[in-house]
Amino acid sequence: MNTSASLSASYIERVIRQAGGITSEWRTGRQPAAGFAVAPSKTTERQIPLADFSAEHVSQYTRAFHRLLGLPGMCLGARVKEGIVYLDVSLVVEDAVTAAALATDADQFAIRCVHESRSIPTEEAATGSQIQQEKRSERYLTLRKTIKEALP
């Protein structure tokens, strides 16, 4: 793994092509080993045909979302599915309830358990009452505000 202060676009492109994806803190290169990943906004998703995908796409993407990617816990996420590269910004949090609450706010259908490397449908990650209680917490409200302010 590249451990430089920030991951290079060419390194990210190479990993995506070789491994089929990546979830990594953009600035540190750290790959989370635990927690729950969620894309906190639909506006960050980009789809690029794998045949056309290049390091320049990564550079453009990270420039567009540099403020969001710079927040603690934010990761550059990418996966390849059926010949399409999906780029996204994901937040890795410690608990499934927070991830599920963020997912419902962003109209996401699932969160990802990092440790088990599997998707969990939002409705299975937490109950509706747990999500509503989380959304009322000061910690959650501050997190949502921070995310919204960092979006372009």
Protein backbone atom coordinates (compact mmCIF):
# COMPACT_ATOMS: atom_id res chain seq x y z
CA MET A 1 0.00 0.00 0.00
CA ASN A 2 1.13 3.53 -0.76
CA THR A 3 1.61 5.36 2.53
CA SER A 4 2.55 8.79 1.24
CA ALA A 5 0.75 11.88 2.56
CA SER A 6 -1.82 11.46 -0.19
CA LEU A 7 -2.49 8.74 -2.66
CA SER A 8 -1.48 9.48 -6.22
CA ALA A 9 -4.11 9.30 -8.93
CA SER A 10 -2.04 6.78 -10.87
CA TYR A 11 -1.73 4.54 -7.79
CA ILE A 12 -5.49 4.68 -7.21
CA GLU A 13 -6.20 3.89 -10.86
CA ARG A 14 -3.83 0.91 -10.75
CA VAL A 15 -5.41 -0.50 -7.57
CA ILE A 16 -8.91 -0.09 -8.96
CA ARG A 17 -7.95 -1.92 -12.15
CA GLN A 18 -6.02 -4.70 -10.36
CA ALA A 19 -8.15 -5.24 -7.25
CA GLY A 20 -11.55 -4.14 -8.51
CA GLY A 21 -11.87 -1.33 -5.99
CA ILE A 22 -10.50 0.62 -3.08
CA THR A 23 -11.66 2.23 0.14
CA SER A 24 -8.95 4.46 1.49
CA GLU A 25 -8.52 7.74 3.28
CA TRP A 26 -7.46 9.99 0.44
CA ARG A 27 -4.91 12.06 2.35
CA THR A 28 -3.25 9.29 4.39
CA GLY A 29 -3.72 6.16 2.30
CA ARG A 30 -5.01 4.33 5.38
CA GLN A 31 -7.46 1.61 4.56
CA PRO A 32 -10.02 1.17 7.32
CA ALA A 33 -10.13 -2.29 8.88
CA ALA A 34 -13.36 -1.90 10.83
CA GLY A 35 -16.51 0.17 10.98
CA PHE A 36 -19.34 0.90 8.62
CA ALA A 37 -18.96 2.81 5.36
CA VAL A 38 -21.70 4.97 3.91
CA ALA A 39 -21.84 7.49 1.10
CA PRO A 40 -23.24 10.57 2.85
CA SER A 41 -24.43 12.18 -0.39
CA LYS A 42 -25.74 10.91 -3.73
CA THR A 43 -24.07 13.89 -5.40
CA THR A 44 -20.59 12.41 -5.02
CA GLU A 45 -21.15 9.28 -7.13
CA ARG A 46 -19.52 9.16 -10.54
CA GLN A 47 -19.69 6.35 -13.09
CA ILE A 48 -16.99 5.88 -15.74
CA PRO A 49 -16.65 3.00 -18.22
CA LEU A 50 -13.65 0.91 -17.18
CA ALA A 51 -12.30 1.00 -20.74
CA ASP A 52 -12.13 4.82 -20.55
CA PHE A 53 -11.06 5.11 -16.90
CA SER A 54 -7.77 6.92 -16.23
CA ALA A 55 -5.77 8.59 -13.50
CA GLU A 56 -7.10 11.90 -14.85
CA HIS A 57 -10.61 10.86 -13.79
CA VAL A 58 -9.29 10.26 -10.27
CA SER A 59 -7.52 13.64 -10.27
CA GLN A 60 -10.63 15.47 -11.44
CA TYR A 61 -12.76 13.65 -8.87
CA THR A 62 -10.47 14.33 -5.92
CA ARG A 63 -10.17 18.00 -6.91
CA ALA A 64 -13.96 18.31 -7.07
CA PHE A 65 -14.47 16.76 -3.63
CA HIS A 66 -11.24 17.73 -1.85
CA ARG A 67 -13.01 19.50 1.04
CA LEU A 68 -15.22 16.49 1.75
CA LEU A 69 -12.35 14.02 1.35
CA GLY A 70 -10.33 16.06 3.83
CA LEU A 71 -12.77 15.48 6.69
CA PRO A 72 -11.86 12.87 9.33
CA GLY A 73 -13.08 9.39 8.43
CA MET A 74 -13.84 10.26 4.80
CA CYS A 75 -12.56 7.81 2.22
CA LEU A 76 -12.29 7.63 -1.50
CA GLY A 77 -14.32 4.62 -2.49
CA ALA A 78 -14.27 2.91 -5.83
CA ARG A 79 -15.52 -0.37 -7.19
CA VAL A 80 -15.79 -1.97 -10.58
CA LYS A 81 -19.03 -3.66 -11.51
CA GLU A 82 -20.01 -4.89 -14.95
CA GLY A 83 -17.38 -2.79 -16.71
CA ILE A 84 -18.21 0.46 -14.88
CA VAL A 85 -15.99 2.19 -12.31
CA TYR A 86 -18.05 3.76 -9.52
CA LEU A 87 -16.25 6.53 -7.62
CA ASP A 88 -17.72 7.83 -4.38
CA VAL A 89 -16.84 9.49 -1.11
CA SER A 90 -17.61 7.27 1.87
CA LEU A 91 -17.56 8.01 5.55
CA VAL A 92 -16.45 5.20 7.83
CA VAL A 93 -18.10 5.35 11.24
CA GLU A 94 -17.90 3.01 14.22
CA ASP A 95 -21.54 2.00 14.50
CA ALA A 96 -24.19 0.71 12.13
CA VAL A 97 -26.92 3.00 13.51
CA THR A 98 -25.02 6.19 12.58
CA ALA A 99 -24.21 4.73 9.16
CA ALA A 100 -27.86 3.76 8.63
CA ALA A 101 -29.05 7.23 9.65
CA LEU A 102 -26.63 8.85 7.21
CA ALA A 103 -27.74 6.40 4.53
CA THR A 104 -31.41 7.29 4.94
CA ASP A 105 -30.60 11.01 4.77
CA ALA A 106 -28.69 10.42 1.53
CA ASP A 107 -31.24 8.04 -0.05
CA GLN A 108 -28.73 5.18 0.06
CA PHE A 109 -30.10 1.66 0.13
CA ALA A 110 -27.23 0.05 2.02
CA ILE A 111 -24.18 0.54 4.18
CA ARG A 112 -21.00 -1.55 4.04
CA CYS A 113 -19.50 -3.49 6.92
CA VAL A 114 -15.79 -2.86 6.38
CA HIS A 115 -14.54 -5.80 8.46
CA GLU A 116 -16.78 -8.34 6.72
CA SER A 117 -16.57 -6.57 3.34
CA ARG A 118 -20.29 -6.92 2.76
CA SER A 119 -23.24 -4.67 2.09
CA ILE A 120 -26.05 -4.45 4.62
CA PRO A 121 -29.44 -3.12 3.53
CA THR A 122 -30.19 0.02 5.53
CA GLU A 123 -33.39 -1.42 6.99
CA GLU A 124 -31.41 -4.38 8.36
CA ALA A 125 -28.65 -2.22 9.87
CA ALA A 126 -30.89 -0.43 12.39
CA THR A 127 -34.53 -0.06 13.34
CA GLY A 128 -36.49 3.01 12.36
CA SER A 129 -36.65 4.15 15.99
CA GLN A 130 -32.87 3.75 16.40
CA ILE A 131 -32.31 5.83 13.27
CA GLN A 132 -34.72 8.56 14.40
CA GLN A 133 -33.10 8.71 17.84
CA GLU A 134 -29.66 9.00 16.22
CA LYS A 135 -30.83 11.80 13.92
CA ARG A 136 -31.85 13.84 16.97
CA SER A 137 -28.46 13.55 18.68
CA GLU A 138 -26.21 16.61 18.78
CA ARG A 139 -23.28 14.55 17.50
CA TYR A 140 -25.24 13.47 14.43
CA LEU A 141 -26.59 16.95 13.69
CA THR A 142 -23.06 18.36 13.86
CA LEU A 143 -21.77 15.62 11.57
CA ARG A 144 -24.51 16.26 8.98
CA LYS A 145 -23.83 20.01 9.07
CA THR A 146 -20.09 19.43 8.57
CA ILE A 147 -20.73 17.16 5.60
CA LYS A 148 -23.15 19.58 3.96
CA GLU A 149 -20.71 22.48 4.36
CA ALA A 150 -17.91 20.46 2.71
CA LEU A 151 -19.93 19.52 -0.37
CA PRO A 152 -19.29 21.61 -3.50
